[in-house]
Amino acid sequence: AGSWTRFGDNSAAIDPADYYLDPSKWYPSNNNVNATDVYNHADKINNYGLHITATENISVFVIMRTPQYSMDASNALPISALQAEYYLQDFQPNANGVNKPVTMTTILATENNTQVVITPKGNTYGKNNNGIPFTISLNKGQTYYLISDVSSQLAGTHIKAQGGKKIAVYVGSPVTRL
């Protein structure tokens, strides 16, 4: 409503409405992320969700730009637009210059005690095998970081929250050249 918020920037606030998150934490990215950090966060539950409330209609979008040739963007959707069931679509990462290209998925719970059944289409990084379902338990605001095995994809992976609870699912592929 006439103001904006910027995250992850240590420069002085330009607008009194600016609020800065601690960029030393994995959100799951910051300017100092080492490529191996992606693998260190695979198959883990984290408390990185953001809950935004507003008294008026707003649009929320996220842009992450790193100085070395990358820009990523995402729209944040209201809980009413989310679903309980998803199938993943991703892109084969471009291996040029990347030691371990993977595709990445973040699952975010909107309620406590959310049981999510994941049936991967392809092997996940170091843990879960193609076609074998596994269950994770998330609380509101918690995220689960699922990544593919090296040089693989997870397109067709089925993700379903039990009891009709709504979840957000974000999918990305590093080094997808457009």
Protein backbone atom coordinates (compact mmCIF):
# COMPACT_ATOMS: atom_id res chain seq x y z
CA ALA A 1 0.00 0.00 0.00
CA GLY A 2 2.36 2.68 -1.26
CA SER A 3 5.51 1.17 0.25
CA TRP A 4 7.97 -1.56 -0.64
CA THR A 5 10.29 -3.94 1.18
CA ARG A 6 13.76 -5.07 0.18
CA PHE A 7 15.48 -8.13 1.70
CA GLY A 8 19.13 -9.14 1.93
CA ASP A 9 20.75 -5.74 1.32
CA ASN A 10 23.09 -4.32 3.95
CA SER A 11 23.07 -0.76 2.58
CA ALA A 12 21.30 2.01 4.44
CA ALA A 13 17.52 1.94 4.21
CA ILE A 14 16.19 4.33 1.59
CA ASP A 15 12.59 4.15 2.72
CA PRO A 16 11.36 3.83 6.34
CA ALA A 17 9.28 0.80 5.22
CA ASP A 18 12.43 -1.17 4.26
CA TYR A 19 13.08 -4.24 6.37
CA TYR A 20 16.27 -6.24 5.97
CA LEU A 21 16.65 -9.94 6.58
CA ASP A 22 19.98 -11.20 7.87
CA PRO A 23 21.91 -12.03 4.66
CA SER A 24 24.29 -14.31 6.57
CA LYS A 25 21.48 -16.88 6.82
CA TRP A 26 20.52 -19.26 4.03
CA TYR A 27 17.12 -18.15 2.67
CA PRO A 28 18.22 -20.36 0.77
CA SER A 29 20.57 -17.84 -0.93
CA ASN A 30 22.79 -14.91 -0.14
CA ASN A 31 25.68 -13.24 -1.91
CA ASN A 32 28.27 -15.40 -0.16
CA VAL A 33 26.79 -18.81 -0.98
CA ASN A 34 29.30 -21.41 -2.00
CA ALA A 35 28.13 -23.95 -4.59
CA THR A 36 28.55 -26.76 -2.06
CA ASP A 37 25.97 -25.07 0.22
CA VAL A 38 23.25 -26.34 -2.12
CA TYR A 39 24.23 -29.92 -1.35
CA ASN A 40 24.57 -29.24 2.39
CA HIS A 41 20.90 -28.21 2.52
CA ALA A 42 19.50 -31.13 0.54
CA ASP A 43 16.85 -33.26 2.27
CA LYS A 44 16.64 -30.97 5.29
CA ILE A 45 13.82 -29.13 7.02
CA ASN A 46 14.51 -25.44 7.70
CA ASN A 47 12.68 -22.45 9.20
CA TYR A 48 12.99 -20.14 6.17
CA GLY A 49 9.38 -19.39 5.28
CA LEU A 50 8.08 -15.84 5.30
CA HIS A 51 4.48 -15.08 6.26
CA ILE A 52 3.23 -11.78 4.90
CA THR A 53 -0.08 -10.24 5.92
CA ALA A 54 -1.67 -7.08 4.58
CA THR A 55 -4.82 -5.08 5.19
CA GLU A 56 -5.04 -4.12 1.50
CA ASN A 57 -4.48 -5.95 -1.79
CA ILE A 58 -0.77 -6.22 -2.53
CA SER A 59 1.52 -7.95 -5.01
CA VAL A 60 4.56 -9.77 -3.68
CA PHE A 61 7.47 -10.83 -5.83
CA VAL A 62 11.01 -11.90 -5.10
CA ILE A 63 14.05 -11.12 -7.19
CA MET A 64 17.50 -12.47 -6.49
CA ARG A 65 20.40 -11.14 -8.47
CA THR A 66 23.95 -12.28 -8.03
CA PRO A 67 26.81 -10.36 -9.53
CA GLN A 68 27.90 -13.27 -11.67
CA TYR A 69 25.37 -13.65 -14.48
CA SER A 70 22.29 -14.73 -12.56
CA MET A 71 18.86 -13.29 -11.99
CA ASP A 72 15.97 -15.24 -10.56
CA ALA A 73 12.41 -14.12 -9.89
CA SER A 74 9.26 -15.54 -8.35
CA ASN A 75 5.75 -14.39 -7.53
CA ALA A 76 4.44 -15.10 -4.04
CA LEU A 77 0.87 -16.36 -4.09
CA PRO A 78 -1.76 -16.01 -1.38
CA ILE A 79 -2.57 -19.17 0.58
CA SER A 80 -5.99 -19.25 -1.09
CA ALA A 81 -4.27 -19.84 -4.46
CA LEU A 82 -2.12 -22.73 -3.22
CA GLN A 83 -2.91 -26.42 -3.62
CA ALA A 84 -2.32 -29.62 -1.66
CA GLU A 85 -1.02 -31.59 -4.65
CA TYR A 86 1.63 -30.84 -7.27
CA TYR A 87 3.63 -32.48 -10.03
CA LEU A 88 7.05 -30.98 -10.68
CA GLN A 89 8.23 -29.60 -13.99
CA ASP A 90 11.86 -28.61 -14.23
CA PHE A 91 14.56 -28.08 -16.83
CA GLN A 92 17.74 -30.01 -17.45
CA PRO A 93 20.52 -27.91 -15.97
CA ASN A 94 23.27 -26.80 -18.32
CA ALA A 95 26.48 -28.51 -17.20
CA ASN A 96 28.79 -25.97 -18.90
CA GLY A 97 31.20 -24.89 -16.19
CA VAL A 98 29.14 -26.39 -13.36
CA ASN A 99 30.68 -29.26 -11.45
CA LYS A 100 27.43 -30.71 -10.11
CA PRO A 101 24.32 -29.37 -11.86
CA VAL A 102 21.06 -30.19 -10.07
CA THR A 103 17.42 -29.14 -10.11
CA MET A 104 16.01 -27.75 -6.88
CA THR A 105 12.61 -27.74 -5.21
CA THR A 106 11.49 -25.99 -2.03
CA ILE A 107 8.29 -27.11 -0.28
CA LEU A 108 6.73 -24.66 2.20
CA ALA A 109 4.05 -25.59 4.76
CA THR A 110 1.21 -23.17 5.55
CA GLU A 111 -0.06 -25.11 8.61
CA ASN A 112 1.44 -27.01 11.52
CA ASN A 113 1.67 -30.81 11.37
CA THR A 114 1.61 -30.95 7.58
CA GLN A 115 2.47 -34.45 6.35
CA VAL A 116 3.78 -34.34 2.78
CA VAL A 117 4.23 -37.48 0.68
CA ILE A 118 6.85 -37.14 -2.06
CA THR A 119 7.21 -39.69 -4.85
CA PRO A 120 10.36 -38.71 -6.75
CA LYS A 121 10.60 -39.23 -10.49
CA GLY A 122 14.34 -39.69 -10.52
CA ASN A 123 16.81 -40.06 -7.68
CA THR A 124 17.22 -37.24 -5.19
CA TYR A 125 20.62 -36.07 -4.02
CA GLY A 126 22.06 -38.83 -1.90
CA LYS A 127 18.90 -40.05 -0.23
CA ASN A 128 15.66 -41.03 -2.01
CA ASN A 129 15.21 -43.34 -4.97
CA ASN A 130 13.10 -43.01 -8.11
CA GLY A 131 9.47 -44.10 -7.58
CA ILE A 132 9.74 -44.81 -3.85
CA PRO A 133 7.45 -42.50 -1.79
CA PHE A 134 8.68 -40.91 1.42
CA THR A 135 6.97 -38.63 3.93
CA ILE A 136 8.17 -35.44 5.59
CA SER A 137 6.48 -33.52 8.41
CA LEU A 138 6.51 -29.72 8.33
CA ASN A 139 5.13 -26.98 10.55
CA LYS A 140 3.87 -23.60 9.35
CA GLY A 141 6.73 -21.64 7.79
CA GLN A 142 9.07 -24.61 7.56
CA THR A 143 10.60 -25.54 4.23
CA TYR A 144 12.03 -28.75 2.84
CA TYR A 145 14.77 -28.51 0.25
CA LEU A 146 14.63 -31.34 -2.30
CA ILE A 147 17.28 -31.51 -5.02
CA SER A 148 17.89 -33.97 -7.81
CA ASP A 149 20.80 -36.29 -8.08
CA VAL A 150 23.71 -34.77 -10.01
CA SER A 151 22.95 -34.07 -13.69
CA SER A 152 19.40 -35.36 -13.29
CA GLN A 153 15.86 -33.97 -13.21
CA LEU A 154 12.81 -34.40 -10.98
CA ALA A 155 10.15 -33.64 -13.65
CA GLY A 156 7.06 -35.71 -12.87
CA THR A 157 7.77 -35.92 -9.12
CA HIS A 158 4.47 -36.09 -7.21
CA ILE A 159 4.12 -33.99 -4.04
CA LYS A 160 0.95 -34.23 -1.94
CA ALA A 161 0.08 -32.77 1.45
CA GLN A 162 -2.17 -35.06 3.45
CA GLY A 163 -5.56 -33.91 4.73
CA GLY A 164 -5.90 -31.27 2.02
CA LYS A 165 -3.46 -28.90 3.75
CA LYS A 166 -2.09 -26.30 1.35
CA ILE A 167 1.59 -26.07 0.54
CA ALA A 168 3.71 -23.88 -1.73
CA VAL A 169 6.17 -25.53 -4.11
CA TYR A 170 8.98 -23.60 -5.79
CA VAL A 171 11.10 -25.24 -8.51
CA GLY A 172 14.34 -24.01 -10.02
CA SER A 173 17.32 -25.13 -12.01
CA PRO A 174 20.69 -23.47 -11.73
CA VAL A 175 22.49 -22.61 -14.93
CA THR A 176 19.44 -22.77 -17.18
CA ARG A 177 20.52 -20.60 -20.07
CA LEU A 178 17.69 -18.69 -21.71
